[in-house]
Protein backbone atom coordinates (compact mmCIF):
# COMPACT_ATOMS: atom_id res chain seq x y z
CA MET A 1 0.09 0.04 0.10
CA SER A 2 1.30 3.38 -0.86
CA HIS A 3 1.05 6.18 1.57
CA LEU A 4 2.00 9.88 2.12
CA LYS A 5 3.04 11.24 5.53
CA ILE A 6 3.03 15.09 6.26
CA TYR A 7 4.74 16.41 9.23
CA LEU A 8 4.50 20.06 10.33
CA LYS A 9 6.08 21.69 13.38
CA MET A 10 3.84 24.63 14.39
CA ASP A 11 5.69 26.00 17.43
CA ASN A 12 7.34 29.08 16.00
CA ALA A 13 6.39 32.77 15.31
CA ALA A 14 4.92 32.10 11.85
CA PHE A 15 2.10 30.05 13.44
CA ALA A 16 1.48 32.36 16.39
CA GLU A 17 -1.09 34.88 17.14
CA GLY A 18 -4.03 33.52 14.95
CA ASN A 19 -1.80 32.64 12.04
CA ARG A 20 -1.68 28.89 12.55
CA ASN A 21 -4.42 27.93 10.19
CA TYR A 22 -3.34 30.46 7.49
CA GLU A 23 0.29 29.25 7.56
CA VAL A 24 -0.56 25.62 7.36
CA ALA A 25 -3.04 26.43 4.48
CA ARG A 26 -0.31 28.42 2.75
CA ILE A 27 2.33 25.68 2.97
CA LEU A 28 -0.05 22.94 2.01
CA ARG A 29 -1.36 24.88 -0.98
CA ALA A 30 2.10 25.54 -2.24
CA TYR A 31 2.76 21.68 -1.88
CA ALA A 32 -0.38 20.90 -3.83
CA ASP A 33 0.48 23.35 -6.63
CA GLU A 34 4.03 21.65 -6.90
CA LEU A 35 2.30 18.24 -7.13
CA VAL A 36 -0.07 19.30 -9.94
CA ASP A 37 2.83 20.77 -11.92
CA ALA A 38 5.00 17.62 -11.44
CA GLY A 39 2.17 15.36 -12.87
CA GLU A 40 2.80 11.66 -12.12
CA HIS A 41 6.40 12.28 -11.18
CA VAL A 42 6.71 10.13 -7.87
CA GLY A 43 9.73 12.23 -6.67
CA ALA A 44 7.44 15.22 -6.31
CA LEU A 45 5.79 13.63 -3.23
CA GLU A 46 8.96 14.32 -1.23
CA ALA A 47 9.19 17.87 0.00
CA ASN A 48 10.66 20.01 2.71
CA PHE A 49 8.32 22.57 4.22
CA TYR A 50 9.45 26.17 5.20
CA ASP A 51 7.39 28.94 7.00
CA LEU A 52 7.04 32.53 5.88
CA ASN A 53 10.19 33.35 7.84
CA GLY A 54 12.15 30.68 5.94
CA ASN A 55 12.57 28.27 8.92
CA TYR A 56 12.31 24.49 8.20
CA VAL A 57 8.98 23.36 9.76
CA GLY A 58 8.47 19.86 8.24
CA GLU A 59 8.23 17.53 5.35
CA ALA A 60 6.33 15.22 3.27
CA SER A 61 7.52 11.62 2.69
CA ALA A 62 5.91 8.98 0.47
CA THR A 63 6.12 5.22 -0.04
CA VAL A 64 4.82 4.13 -3.35
CA ASP A 65 4.36 0.43 -4.01
CA ASP A 66 4.43 -1.01 -7.40
CA ASP A 67 1.40 -3.41 -6.67
CA ASP A 68 -1.03 -0.43 -6.13
CA GLU A 69 -3.31 -1.76 -8.95
CA ASP A 70 -5.14 -3.81 -6.28
CA ASP A 71 -5.66 -0.68 -4.22
CA GLU A 72 -6.98 1.11 -7.08
CA ASP A 73 -9.56 -1.52 -7.68
CA ASP A 74 -10.53 -1.28 -3.99
CA ALA A 75 -11.04 2.44 -4.36
CA GLU A 76 -13.36 1.96 -7.36
CA GLU A 77 -15.47 -0.42 -5.39
CA GLY A 78 -16.00 2.19 -2.44
CA GLY A 79 -12.99 1.12 -0.46
CA GLY A 80 -12.86 4.34 1.44
CA TYR A 81 -10.27 6.33 -0.53
CA TYR A 82 -11.01 10.05 -0.79
């Protein structure tokens, strides 16, 4: 089974004073845009995340298995994939 893990550390100034949700959304939108631009390039799933101040705050890591065809069949049958 393939999976994607996203880790964000939210304990610095960029996430303070009501900015937490905005900053998380900004980081994830930028990541999503990169994924769309990369098409099916698996390496694009790996990424480091930086806050507005340029500080490293997390990463995305992926494991992609070659036998995912079975998982895709499950998804088509209502296997709970969104």
